[in-house]
Protein backbone atom coordinates (compact mmCIF):
# COMPACT_ATOMS: atom_id res chain seq x y z
CA UNK A 1 69.89 130.94 98.72
CA UNK A 2 72.63 133.08 100.16
CA UNK A 3 76.13 133.59 98.95
CA UNK A 4 77.48 132.00 102.09
CA UNK A 5 75.67 128.79 101.35
CA UNK A 6 77.02 128.85 97.81
CA UNK A 7 80.51 129.34 99.14
CA UNK A 8 80.09 126.33 101.37
CA UNK A 9 78.94 124.28 98.39
CA UNK A 10 81.91 125.44 96.39
CA UNK A 11 84.18 124.45 99.23
CA UNK A 12 82.59 121.01 99.36
CA UNK A 13 83.42 120.42 95.71
CA UNK A 14 86.93 121.66 96.25
CA UNK A 15 87.37 119.20 99.08
CA UNK A 16 86.15 116.39 96.82
CA UNK A 17 88.66 117.30 94.11
CA UNK A 18 91.40 117.35 96.67
CA UNK A 19 90.39 113.86 97.73
CA UNK A 20 90.62 112.69 94.12
CA UNK A 21 94.08 114.15 93.74
CA UNK A 22 95.38 112.56 96.94
CA UNK A 23 93.62 109.21 96.53
CA UNK A 24 96.95 107.29 96.59
CA UNK A 25 97.50 108.03 100.26
CA UNK A 26 93.91 108.33 101.52
CA UNK A 27 91.58 105.42 102.10
CA UNK A 28 88.53 104.86 99.95
CA UNK A 29 85.46 106.99 100.90
CA UNK A 30 82.77 104.82 102.36
CA UNK A 31 80.21 107.53 103.30
CA UNK A 32 77.67 108.56 100.62
CA UNK A 33 78.53 111.70 98.67
CA UNK A 34 75.69 114.01 97.64
CA UNK A 35 76.44 115.94 94.45
CA UNK A 36 74.31 118.98 93.76
CA UNK A 37 73.81 121.08 90.67
CA UNK A 38 76.35 123.90 90.47
CA UNK A 39 75.04 127.38 91.13
CA UNK A 40 74.88 130.19 88.59
CA UNK A 41 76.70 132.47 91.03
CA UNK A 42 79.98 130.61 90.49
CA UNK A 43 82.97 132.36 89.10
CA UNK A 44 83.70 132.15 85.34
CA UNK A 45 86.69 129.89 85.94
CA UNK A 46 84.69 127.49 88.01
CA UNK A 47 81.89 127.50 85.42
CA UNK A 48 84.35 126.44 82.73
CA UNK A 49 85.50 123.58 84.97
CA UNK A 50 81.95 122.41 85.62
CA UNK A 51 80.57 122.55 82.05
CA UNK A 52 80.51 118.75 81.74
CA UNK A 53 78.25 118.36 84.77
CA UNK A 54 75.08 119.88 83.19
CA UNK A 55 75.56 117.69 80.13
CA UNK A 56 75.69 114.61 82.35
CA UNK A 57 72.68 115.82 84.31
CA UNK A 58 70.78 116.22 81.06
CA UNK A 59 70.86 112.43 80.48
CA UNK A 60 70.77 111.14 84.07
CA UNK A 61 69.32 112.08 87.41
CA UNK A 62 71.24 113.32 90.39
CA UNK A 63 71.43 109.91 91.97
CA UNK A 64 72.83 108.35 88.83
CA UNK A 65 75.46 111.08 88.52
CA UNK A 66 76.47 110.51 92.13
CA UNK A 67 76.79 106.81 91.64
CA UNK A 68 78.85 107.40 88.52
CA UNK A 69 81.23 109.64 90.41
CA UNK A 70 81.52 107.11 93.24
CA UNK A 71 82.40 104.42 90.72
CA UNK A 72 84.98 106.69 89.12
CA UNK A 73 86.52 107.47 92.50
CA UNK A 74 86.59 103.80 93.38
CA UNK A 75 88.31 102.93 90.11
CA UNK A 76 90.91 105.63 90.60
CA UNK A 77 91.59 104.57 94.19
CA UNK A 78 91.82 100.90 93.15
CA UNK A 79 94.25 101.69 90.35
CA UNK A 80 96.41 103.78 92.66
CA UNK A 81 96.49 101.05 95.35
CA UNK A 82 97.28 98.45 92.69
CA UNK A 83 100.19 100.54 91.46
CA UNK A 84 101.57 100.72 95.00
CA UNK A 85 101.21 96.95 95.45
CA UNK A 86 102.87 96.28 92.09
CA UNK A 87 105.70 98.55 93.04
CA UNK A 88 106.09 96.72 96.34
CA UNK A 89 106.10 93.37 94.59
CA UNK A 90 108.77 94.55 92.17
CA UNK A 91 110.98 95.61 95.03
CA UNK A 92 110.37 92.37 96.92
CA UNK A 93 111.14 90.36 93.79
CA UNK A 94 114.44 92.15 93.41
CA UNK A 95 115.28 91.54 97.05
CA UNK A 96 114.16 87.92 96.95
CA UNK A 97 116.02 87.40 93.67
CA UNK A 98 119.18 88.69 95.25
CA UNK A 99 118.45 86.53 98.30
CA UNK A 100 118.07 83.42 96.14
CA UNK A 101 121.29 84.29 94.39
CA UNK A 102 123.02 84.21 97.75
CA UNK A 103 121.72 80.73 98.53
CA UNK A 104 121.72 79.34 94.99
CA UNK A 105 124.64 76.94 95.64
CA UNK A 106 122.56 75.35 98.41
CA UNK A 107 119.47 74.66 96.31
CA UNK A 108 120.75 71.69 94.35
CA UNK A 109 122.70 70.60 97.41
CA UNK A 110 120.90 71.53 100.60
CA UNK A 111 122.97 73.38 103.10
CA UNK A 112 123.09 72.02 106.60
CA UNK A 113 122.98 73.52 110.01
CA UNK A 114 126.52 73.23 111.43
CA UNK A 115 125.14 72.12 114.76
CA UNK A 116 123.17 69.33 113.17
CA UNK A 117 124.74 65.89 113.53
CA UNK A 118 123.55 65.14 109.99
CA UNK A 119 125.34 68.18 108.61
CA UNK A 120 128.15 68.29 106.14
CA UNK A 121 131.67 68.52 107.41
CA UNK A 122 133.30 71.76 108.53
CA UNK A 123 137.03 71.66 109.15
CA UNK A 124 139.51 74.20 110.37
CA UNK A 125 141.62 74.23 107.24
CA UNK A 126 138.58 74.42 105.04
CA UNK A 127 137.13 77.28 107.06
CA UNK A 128 140.36 79.23 107.10
CA UNK A 129 141.01 78.88 103.40
CA UNK A 130 137.50 79.47 102.20
CA UNK A 131 136.40 82.19 104.60
CA UNK A 132 137.92 85.00 102.55
CA UNK A 133 136.26 84.04 99.31
CA UNK A 134 132.96 83.48 101.10
CA UNK A 135 133.11 86.91 102.68
CA UNK A 136 133.85 88.55 99.34
CA UNK A 137 130.90 86.86 97.69
CA UNK A 138 128.50 87.64 100.46
CA UNK A 139 129.89 91.15 100.76
CA UNK A 140 129.09 91.99 97.13
CA UNK A 141 125.69 90.41 97.36
CA UNK A 142 124.88 92.10 100.64
CA UNK A 143 125.84 95.54 99.31
CA UNK A 144 123.47 95.12 96.37
CA UNK A 145 120.79 93.78 98.66
CA UNK A 146 121.23 96.72 101.03
CA UNK A 147 120.83 99.18 98.14
CA UNK A 148 117.63 97.52 97.04
CA UNK A 149 116.22 97.37 100.54
CA UNK A 150 117.08 101.06 101.13
CA UNK A 151 115.03 102.08 98.10
CA UNK A 152 112.18 99.97 99.29
CA UNK A 153 112.15 101.09 102.89
CA UNK A 154 110.76 104.55 102.03
CA UNK A 155 107.71 103.01 100.35
CA UNK A 156 107.06 99.73 102.17
CA UNK A 157 107.84 98.27 105.53
CA UNK A 158 110.35 95.40 105.26
CA UNK A 159 109.30 91.99 106.57
CA UNK A 160 110.52 90.86 109.97
CA UNK A 161 114.09 89.50 110.13
CA UNK A 162 112.88 85.97 110.95
CA UNK A 163 111.40 85.76 107.46
CA UNK A 164 113.68 88.04 105.49
CA UNK A 165 117.22 86.97 106.49
CA UNK A 166 118.89 84.08 104.62
CA UNK A 167 119.58 82.26 107.89
CA UNK A 168 115.85 81.82 108.36
CA UNK A 169 115.62 79.54 105.30
CA UNK A 170 117.66 76.48 106.31
CA UNK A 171 117.75 73.75 103.69
CA UNK A 172 117.88 70.48 105.58
CA UNK A 173 119.52 67.32 104.39
CA UNK A 174 117.04 65.20 102.40
CA UNK A 175 117.87 62.17 104.57
CA UNK A 176 117.56 64.00 107.90
CA UNK A 177 114.12 62.64 108.73
CA UNK A 178 114.88 59.15 107.48
CA UNK A 179 114.37 56.49 110.14
CA UNK A 180 114.97 52.78 110.01
CA UNK A 181 111.72 50.85 109.70
CA UNK A 182 111.07 47.99 112.13
CA UNK A 183 112.54 44.65 111.04
CA UNK A 184 110.15 42.45 109.08
CA UNK A 185 108.37 39.73 110.99
CA UNK A 186 109.81 36.70 109.26
CA UNK A 187 110.19 33.82 111.69
CA UNK A 188 111.77 31.60 109.07
CA UNK A 189 114.73 33.96 108.64
CA UNK A 190 116.48 34.86 111.86
CA UNK A 191 119.98 35.64 110.59
CA UNK A 192 121.47 38.99 109.53
CA UNK A 193 119.82 40.85 106.72
CA UNK A 194 120.21 44.26 105.01
CA UNK A 195 118.21 47.29 106.06
CA UNK A 196 117.23 50.43 104.11
CA UNK A 197 119.80 53.23 103.80
CA UNK A 198 119.09 56.77 102.60
CA UNK A 199 121.64 57.74 99.94
CA UNK A 200 121.87 61.00 98.05
CA UNK A 201 121.90 60.92 94.25
CA UNK A 202 125.39 60.45 92.86
CA UNK A 203 125.53 63.97 91.43
CA UNK A 204 124.77 65.57 94.79
CA UNK A 205 127.13 63.22 96.63
CA UNK A 206 129.96 64.23 94.29
CA UNK A 207 129.41 67.93 94.98
CA UNK A 208 129.50 67.27 98.73
CA UNK A 209 133.01 65.84 98.53
CA UNK A 210 135.21 68.10 100.71
CA UNK A 211 137.61 70.23 98.73
CA UNK A 212 140.27 69.98 101.43
CA UNK A 213 141.39 67.29 103.80
CA UNK A 214 140.07 67.09 107.33
CA UNK A 215 142.15 68.34 110.22
CA UNK A 216 144.09 65.65 112.04
CA UNK A 217 143.91 66.20 115.82
CA UNK A 218 147.35 66.70 117.44
CA UNK A 219 149.20 64.60 114.87
CA UNK A 220 150.39 66.56 111.86
CA UNK A 221 153.43 64.76 110.47
CA UNK A 222 153.59 60.97 110.29
CA UNK A 223 156.63 59.13 108.96
CA UNK A 224 157.47 55.45 108.92
CA UNK A 225 160.39 53.38 110.15
CA UNK A 226 162.87 52.36 107.46
CA UNK A 227 165.38 49.65 108.32
CA UNK A 228 167.32 47.74 105.73
CA UNK A 229 168.06 44.90 108.15
CA UNK A 230 165.65 44.64 111.03
CA UNK A 231 166.63 42.46 113.99
CA UNK A 232 164.32 40.56 116.29
CA UNK A 233 164.90 41.74 119.85
CA UNK A 234 162.15 39.74 121.55
CA UNK A 235 161.40 36.02 121.26
CA UNK A 236 157.76 36.40 120.29
CA UNK A 237 155.68 38.31 117.80
CA UNK A 238 156.42 40.44 114.80
CA UNK A 239 157.89 39.78 111.37
CA UNK A 240 160.64 41.01 109.11
CA UNK A 241 158.06 42.80 106.99
CA UNK A 242 156.79 44.66 110.05
CA UNK A 243 160.27 45.38 111.44
CA UNK A 244 160.01 43.49 114.76
CA UNK A 245 158.95 46.48 116.89
CA UNK A 246 159.74 46.00 120.57
CA UNK A 247 157.20 46.39 123.34
CA UNK A 248 158.70 49.76 124.26
CA UNK A 249 158.39 50.95 120.66
CA UNK A 250 154.84 49.65 120.62
CA UNK A 251 153.91 51.56 123.77
CA UNK A 252 155.62 54.73 122.55
CA UNK A 253 153.64 54.60 119.30
CA UNK A 254 150.43 55.20 121.29
CA UNK A 255 151.81 58.45 122.74
CA UNK A 256 150.31 60.84 120.20
CA UNK A 257 152.51 63.80 119.30
CA UNK A 258 152.62 66.39 116.56
CA UNK A 259 155.35 64.48 114.67
CA UNK A 260 155.76 60.73 114.91
CA UNK A 261 157.83 57.97 113.31
CA UNK A 262 156.24 54.51 113.67
CA UNK A 263 156.51 51.00 112.29
CA UNK A 264 154.01 50.45 109.50
CA UNK A 265 155.15 47.52 107.38
CA UNK A 266 157.37 47.89 104.30
CA UNK A 267 160.33 48.62 106.60
CA UNK A 268 162.95 47.97 103.92
CA UNK A 269 163.27 49.06 100.32
CA UNK A 270 163.07 52.40 98.57
CA UNK A 271 159.29 52.59 98.64
CA UNK A 272 156.37 50.33 99.52
CA UNK A 273 155.97 47.55 96.98
CA UNK A 274 159.54 47.71 95.68
CA UNK A 275 161.89 45.11 97.22
CA UNK A 276 160.10 45.30 100.55
CA UNK A 277 158.13 42.09 100.54
CA UNK A 278 154.66 42.38 99.03
CA UNK A 279 156.37 43.42 95.81
CA UNK A 280 154.45 45.04 92.95
CA UNK A 281 155.51 45.73 89.36
CA UNK A 282 156.77 49.22 88.60
CA UNK A 283 153.98 49.92 86.08
CA UNK A 284 151.35 49.06 88.67
CA UNK A 285 153.14 51.17 91.29
CA UNK A 286 153.16 54.12 88.90
CA UNK A 287 149.46 53.70 88.26
CA UNK A 288 148.77 53.52 91.99
CA UNK A 289 150.73 56.71 92.64
CA UNK A 290 148.61 58.53 90.06
CA UNK A 291 145.41 57.70 91.93
CA UNK A 292 144.77 61.02 93.70
CA UNK A 293 141.11 60.87 94.61
CA UNK A 294 139.18 57.79 95.69
CA UNK A 295 140.37 54.20 95.57
CA UNK A 296 138.25 51.07 95.97
CA UNK A 297 140.46 48.08 96.76
CA UNK A 298 140.10 44.37 97.39
CA UNK A 299 142.31 41.27 97.39
CA UNK A 300 142.18 37.52 96.74
CA UNK A 301 145.09 35.49 98.08
CA UNK A 302 145.45 31.73 98.09
CA UNK A 303 142.84 31.44 95.33
CA UNK A 304 140.32 31.69 98.12
CA UNK A 305 137.54 33.70 96.46
CA UNK A 306 135.98 34.38 93.09
CA UNK A 307 136.34 37.92 91.78
CA UNK A 308 133.11 39.93 92.13
CA UNK A 309 132.28 42.77 89.76
CA UNK A 310 130.88 46.03 91.20
CA UNK A 311 127.36 46.96 90.13
CA UNK A 312 125.33 50.18 89.92
CA UNK A 313 128.47 52.27 89.40
CA UNK A 314 127.89 55.65 87.76
CA UNK A 315 129.79 56.83 84.72
CA UNK A 316 131.37 59.59 86.79
CA UNK A 317 132.73 57.02 89.24
CA UNK A 318 134.04 54.81 86.46
CA UNK A 319 136.05 57.74 85.15
CA UNK A 320 137.33 59.21 88.43
CA UNK A 321 137.62 56.32 90.93
CA UNK A 322 140.41 53.72 90.96
CA UNK A 323 139.37 50.07 91.33
CA UNK A 324 142.28 47.78 92.30
CA UNK A 325 142.22 44.04 92.95
CA UNK A 326 145.36 42.49 94.49
CA UNK A 327 146.05 38.80 93.81
CA UNK A 328 148.93 36.42 94.35
CA UNK A 329 150.56 34.16 91.78
CA UNK A 330 148.39 31.18 92.72
CA UNK A 331 145.22 33.15 92.10
CA UNK A 332 146.67 34.56 88.87
CA UNK A 333 147.34 31.06 87.53
CA UNK A 334 143.79 29.97 88.30
CA UNK A 335 142.29 33.06 86.67
CA UNK A 336 144.35 32.58 83.53
CA UNK A 337 143.46 28.89 83.28
CA UNK A 338 139.78 29.74 83.65
CA UNK A 339 140.07 32.52 81.02
CA UNK A 340 139.08 35.17 83.54
CA UNK A 341 142.37 37.02 83.00
CA UNK A 342 143.21 36.94 79.30
CA UNK A 343 146.59 38.56 78.84
CA UNK A 344 145.58 42.00 80.17
CA UNK A 345 145.41 43.47 83.64
CA UNK A 346 141.71 44.41 83.64
CA UNK A 347 138.77 42.29 84.68
CA UNK A 348 135.70 44.46 84.32
CA UNK A 349 136.23 47.55 86.48
CA UNK A 350 139.07 45.98 88.47
CA UNK A 351 142.69 46.62 87.60
CA UNK A 352 144.33 43.37 88.67
CA UNK A 353 147.70 43.73 90.43
CA UNK A 354 149.81 40.60 90.95
CA UNK A 355 151.77 40.66 94.22
CA UNK A 356 154.96 38.65 94.56
CA UNK A 357 157.29 37.83 97.45
CA UNK A 358 154.47 37.74 99.97
CA UNK A 359 155.62 38.39 103.56
CA UNK A 360 153.52 35.69 105.29
CA UNK A 361 152.65 32.05 104.75
CA UNK A 362 149.07 32.68 105.88
CA UNK A 363 146.88 33.99 103.06
CA UNK A 364 144.57 35.73 105.54
CA UNK A 365 147.47 37.61 107.10
CA UNK A 366 148.75 38.64 103.66
CA UNK A 367 145.34 40.11 103.00
CA UNK A 368 145.75 42.43 105.99
CA UNK A 369 148.55 44.32 104.18
CA UNK A 370 146.36 46.05 101.56
CA UNK A 371 143.40 46.08 103.93
CA UNK A 372 145.10 48.17 106.63
CA UNK A 373 147.96 49.82 104.72
CA UNK A 374 146.24 51.27 101.66
CA UNK A 375 147.62 54.70 102.54
CA UNK A 376 151.14 53.35 102.03
CA UNK A 377 150.64 51.79 98.61
CA UNK A 378 148.35 54.64 97.47
CA UNK A 379 150.32 57.60 98.85
CA UNK A 380 148.30 60.27 97.00
CA UNK A 381 144.76 58.96 97.50
CA UNK A 382 142.38 60.97 99.69
CA UNK A 383 139.69 58.41 100.42
CA UNK A 384 139.59 54.64 100.28
CA UNK A 385 136.96 51.91 100.51
CA UNK A 386 138.22 48.44 101.30
CA UNK A 387 136.00 45.41 100.68
CA UNK A 388 136.93 41.78 101.18
CA UNK A 389 137.29 39.58 98.11
CA UNK A 390 134.10 37.68 98.86
CA UNK A 391 131.97 40.85 98.68
CA UNK A 392 130.19 42.39 95.71
CA UNK A 393 129.85 46.19 95.71
CA UNK A 394 126.33 47.23 94.65
CA UNK A 395 126.24 50.97 95.54
CA UNK A 396 128.22 53.82 94.03
CA UNK A 397 131.35 54.73 96.08
CA UNK A 398 130.44 58.43 96.18
CA UNK A 399 127.14 57.60 97.83
CA UNK A 400 128.88 55.37 100.38
CA UNK A 401 131.43 58.06 101.29
CA UNK A 402 128.74 60.72 101.60
CA UNK A 403 126.56 58.52 103.78
CA UNK A 404 129.17 57.16 106.21
CA UNK A 405 131.94 59.81 106.24
CA UNK A 406 130.94 63.23 104.95
CA UNK A 407 127.42 63.29 106.36
CA UNK A 408 128.66 62.13 109.77
CA UNK A 409 131.69 64.45 109.77
CA UNK A 410 133.84 61.34 110.29
CA UNK A 411 137.22 60.25 108.94
CA UNK A 412 136.97 56.52 109.63
CA UNK A 413 133.93 54.24 109.39
CA UNK A 414 133.45 50.54 109.95
CA UNK A 415 130.41 48.41 110.69
CA UNK A 416 129.99 46.71 114.01
CA UNK A 417 129.34 43.03 114.34
CA UNK A 418 125.67 42.10 114.03
CA UNK A 419 125.71 39.80 117.05
CA UNK A 420 128.82 40.21 119.22
CA UNK A 421 129.91 43.40 120.98
CA UNK A 422 132.48 42.02 123.42
CA UNK A 423 136.08 41.04 122.61
CA UNK A 424 135.97 38.07 124.98
CA UNK A 425 132.91 36.68 123.20
CA UNK A 426 134.60 37.24 119.84
CA UNK A 427 137.70 35.35 120.99
CA UNK A 428 135.62 32.38 122.13
CA UNK A 429 133.72 32.37 118.84
CA UNK A 430 137.01 32.31 116.90
CA UNK A 431 138.25 29.41 118.98
CA UNK A 432 135.03 27.48 118.49
CA UNK A 433 135.15 28.02 114.72
CA UNK A 434 138.84 27.07 114.49
CA UNK A 435 139.78 30.41 112.94
CA UNK A 436 143.21 30.41 114.60
CA UNK A 437 145.30 28.52 117.11
CA UNK A 438 143.48 28.59 120.43
CA UNK A 439 146.64 29.10 122.48
CA UNK A 440 147.60 32.17 120.44
CA UNK A 441 144.11 33.64 120.87
CA UNK A 442 144.23 33.05 124.63
CA UNK A 443 147.67 34.67 124.84
CA UNK A 444 146.50 37.78 122.97
CA UNK A 445 143.35 38.19 125.06
CA UNK A 446 145.27 37.70 128.29
CA UNK A 447 147.85 40.30 127.17
CA UNK A 448 145.09 42.85 126.49
CA UNK A 449 143.41 41.96 129.75
CA UNK A 450 146.57 42.83 131.68
CA UNK A 451 146.63 46.17 129.83
CA UNK A 452 143.14 46.96 131.06
CA UNK A 453 140.75 45.34 128.57
CA UNK A 454 137.33 44.80 130.15
CA UNK A 455 134.11 43.28 128.81
CA UNK A 456 131.87 45.65 126.89
CA UNK A 457 129.13 47.32 128.91
CA UNK A 458 126.87 50.34 128.50
CA UNK A 459 129.39 52.31 130.53
CA UNK A 460 131.47 52.59 127.33
CA UNK A 461 128.77 54.59 125.55
CA UNK A 462 128.83 56.46 123.17
CA UNK A 463 131.09 53.63 121.95
CA UNK A 464 128.55 51.14 120.69
CA UNK A 465 130.70 48.04 120.22
CA UNK A 466 134.19 46.61 120.71
CA UNK A 467 133.89 44.14 117.83
CA UNK A 468 133.76 45.30 114.19
CA UNK A 469 132.74 43.44 111.09
CA UNK A 470 136.03 44.23 109.40
CA UNK A 471 135.20 43.19 105.84
CA UNK A 472 134.54 46.84 104.88
CA UNK A 473 136.64 49.87 105.88
CA UNK A 474 135.83 53.43 104.79
CA UNK A 475 138.62 55.88 105.45
CA UNK A 476 139.97 59.35 104.78
CA UNK A 477 143.74 59.35 104.47
CA UNK A 478 144.88 61.84 107.09
CA UNK A 479 147.65 61.37 109.69
CA UNK A 480 145.45 60.24 112.57
CA UNK A 481 143.59 57.57 110.56
CA UNK A 482 146.85 56.43 108.96
CA UNK A 483 148.37 56.07 112.42
CA UNK A 484 145.38 54.05 113.60
CA UNK A 485 145.60 51.54 110.75
CA UNK A 486 149.40 51.33 111.16
CA UNK A 487 149.12 50.47 114.84
CA UNK A 488 146.23 48.12 114.15
CA UNK A 489 148.39 46.33 111.57
CA UNK A 490 151.24 46.11 114.10
CA UNK A 491 148.90 44.27 116.46
CA UNK A 492 147.93 41.85 113.70
CA UNK A 493 151.63 41.40 112.90
CA UNK A 494 152.55 40.74 116.54
CA UNK A 495 149.60 38.57 117.62
CA UNK A 496 146.95 36.68 115.65
CA UNK A 497 145.58 37.65 112.26
CA UNK A 498 142.08 38.02 113.73
CA UNK A 499 141.85 41.79 113.48
CA UNK A 500 138.49 41.93 115.32
CA UNK A 501 140.31 41.04 118.54
CA UNK A 502 142.87 43.84 118.33
CA UNK A 503 140.55 46.56 117.00
CA UNK A 504 139.16 47.93 120.26
CA UNK A 505 142.52 48.02 122.06
CA UNK A 506 144.11 50.10 119.29
CA UNK A 507 141.10 52.38 119.05
CA UNK A 508 140.77 53.01 122.79
CA UNK A 509 144.46 53.77 123.25
CA UNK A 510 144.33 56.45 120.56
CA UNK A 511 141.00 57.89 121.71
CA UNK A 512 142.40 58.27 125.23
CA UNK A 513 145.03 60.66 123.86
CA UNK A 514 143.21 62.74 121.23
CA UNK A 515 139.69 63.88 120.43
CA UNK A 516 138.98 61.42 117.65
CA UNK A 517 136.31 58.78 117.13
CA UNK A 518 135.20 56.13 114.67
CA UNK A 519 131.79 55.88 113.03
CA UNK A 520 130.66 52.34 113.81
CA UNK A 521 127.46 51.92 111.80
CA UNK A 522 125.00 49.06 111.76
CA UNK A 523 125.95 45.82 110.11
CA UNK A 524 122.61 45.74 108.27
CA UNK A 525 123.62 49.05 106.65
CA UNK A 526 126.84 47.43 105.44
CA UNK A 527 124.82 44.59 103.95
CA UNK A 528 122.88 47.21 102.02
CA UNK A 529 125.83 48.21 99.81
CA UNK A 530 127.78 44.91 99.65
CA UNK A 531 126.48 41.45 98.91
CA UNK A 532 128.32 38.57 100.49
CA UNK A 533 129.15 35.51 98.37
CA UNK A 534 130.55 32.12 99.27
CA UNK A 535 134.25 31.36 99.20
CA UNK A 536 135.44 29.55 96.10
CA UNK A 537 136.20 26.25 97.85
CA UNK A 538 132.73 26.16 99.33
CA UNK A 539 131.15 26.81 95.96
CA UNK A 540 133.16 24.03 94.32
CA UNK A 541 132.31 21.48 97.01
CA UNK A 542 128.62 22.35 97.06
CA UNK A 543 126.41 19.65 95.53
CA UNK A 544 124.59 20.78 92.38
CA UNK A 545 120.97 21.63 92.97
CA UNK A 546 118.66 18.65 92.59
CA UNK A 547 116.00 19.06 89.95
CA UNK A 548 112.55 18.92 91.50
CA UNK A 549 109.54 18.11 89.35
CA UNK A 550 106.52 20.04 90.55
CA UNK A 551 103.21 18.46 89.55
CA UNK A 552 100.24 20.77 89.33
CA UNK A 553 97.42 20.13 91.78
CA UNK A 554 94.34 18.29 90.50
CA UNK A 555 92.34 21.49 90.36
CA UNK A 556 94.79 22.87 87.82
CA UNK A 557 94.67 19.85 85.47
CA UNK A 558 93.06 20.60 82.10
CA UNK A 559 89.43 19.51 82.03
CA UNK A 560 88.07 17.24 79.34
CA UNK A 561 85.53 18.77 76.99
CA UNK A 562 82.00 17.94 78.13
CA UNK A 563 78.68 17.64 76.37
CA UNK A 564 76.69 20.80 76.46
CA UNK A 565 73.51 19.25 77.86
CA UNK A 566 74.58 16.24 79.95
CA UNK A 567 77.89 17.76 81.20
CA UNK A 568 79.46 14.35 80.53
CA UNK A 569 82.34 13.57 78.18
CA UNK A 570 81.14 13.36 74.58
CA UNK A 571 80.69 9.91 73.14
CA UNK A 572 83.20 8.79 70.59
CA UNK A 573 81.91 7.68 67.20
CA UNK A 574 83.04 4.03 66.68
CA UNK A 575 85.12 3.41 63.61
CA UNK A 576 85.02 0.29 61.39
CA UNK A 577 88.17 -1.14 62.93
CA UNK A 578 86.91 -0.66 66.47
CA UNK A 579 83.62 -2.42 65.59
CA UNK A 580 85.49 -5.39 64.15
CA UNK A 581 87.63 -5.68 67.30
CA UNK A 582 84.57 -5.64 69.50
CA UNK A 583 82.77 -8.34 67.47
CA UNK A 584 85.81 -10.60 67.44
CA UNK A 585 86.22 -10.27 71.17
CA UNK A 586 82.57 -11.19 71.68
CA UNK A 587 82.88 -14.34 69.53
CA UNK A 588 86.01 -15.31 71.45
CA UNK A 589 84.18 -14.98 74.75
CA UNK A 590 81.27 -17.15 73.48
CA UNK A 591 83.57 -19.92 72.32
CA UNK A 592 85.38 -19.89 75.62
CA UNK A 593 82.18 -20.09 77.61
CA UNK A 594 80.84 -22.97 75.42
CA UNK A 595 83.99 -25.00 75.85
CA UNK A 596 83.83 -24.57 79.61
CA UNK A 597 80.21 -25.75 79.65
CA UNK A 598 81.05 -28.87 77.59
CA UNK A 599 83.95 -29.72 79.85
CA UNK A 600 81.73 -29.44 82.88
CA UNK A 601 79.73 -32.49 81.83
């Protein structure tokens, strides 16, 4: 061998050692490595480094030593790659942990795409007031996230933005993909029925309650007419309680401005409910003023209904929501005589408020005062749910508000009639049912017709109906919705008490001026959260149910015990008394037959 060949061998070993030192960055060697015995011509330093090789060669052949070195190299390379992967995972965990911290408020309550119609509400005031705090939070989080990502970028390549950015992880509303199933095929039941509704759990619905009021379009300041002595200026329509607004005042009230002063009942007295007609005790008024969140209200006038207790109400709602039931003195007397109201002012969840000095002789028209003017007698409430006295609430109010207001980004919600969509059809149905004087209904419809009322057609879409089922009203108390219910009440005060007839006219006049709409949901959805009962007079005049005796079919009759072999009923063992009866009967038959034979001759 020559020295040059030895030098080449030495260089080959040096290159192998260099590969071992730089195994973190180099890929694993896949070509076979031939390891030869070191030469005696090596330098003393290199001999000291290679002393372990002859010892290994003493116990194993060259091939085994080579395989051992390959395994060692593979282990070292695997450990180095594993350390790099672990380091990458640590960095990604830090980044993802910071990322989850940024979206943590949206995990328990899924955040919604603002462009999604199912999204939660976003209002101008809310955006302006909360944008600063949101920027501060995201700014701190983003700075920490940027620091982490900068340390990681020198070692690993960051994932693409479509996977890495928080906007790429949208948490959709749990009810977004919910669809109404087809109606059940039940030919025996053709009337209205409830349909499934997707509600959020109460805890999540509570957290979705907007922290600030919605923005009222155009209208900002709404005040109400106060007249100590109102005078009738026209020979028809109106009442002292409503202030007798003239036709000019009525038309001006539909001209939406930033500040408005309109008739809205309670035109005299210091405040609504105090010497105004529809008078309420001072203690009840004080309690109503302290209701600052959500109010659920109902009324029974003329002893017309039986009080219905809400069901499935959460403990949080019982503590934070006001439940008020308005009754007149006639209903109060009946409830006390029947021991429903025993000295106190609470019946279950309802706080019962007795109203005196009612403004109208018609009990139905008196019921329109709390139904349409809740914002006046609850001046500090933010949201209200009105249900007629014949209805039983069976879903938590927070879930109802989230489903029909907050999820739809709406401020007013009411169900549409399950059968009728046209005002003219509704008027004819009221006349046929004797709900009101036919001449008054015809006058009101003709008045609206001269103002431009037309039958409902598909040309009015996206408006889905002109006739509501007004037994439930869900509302946010902001100026535009308060104006709508005020003007709707003025129509009821001027014309008939059938509020379904005047609903569409009031709505369309306001919608022609401002960008505002009403969420008219399905009537079957309304029947999902309220159960309708009969009026009290109908229940009292109903005949009691007739008891029906149902006989089991012959196949279900108990079988007599049978003999094991003959499958026939077992023979009874005759007793002494039964034998005596049989013998006596036989003797009697013989005597009778003998006497007949003797008489025959």
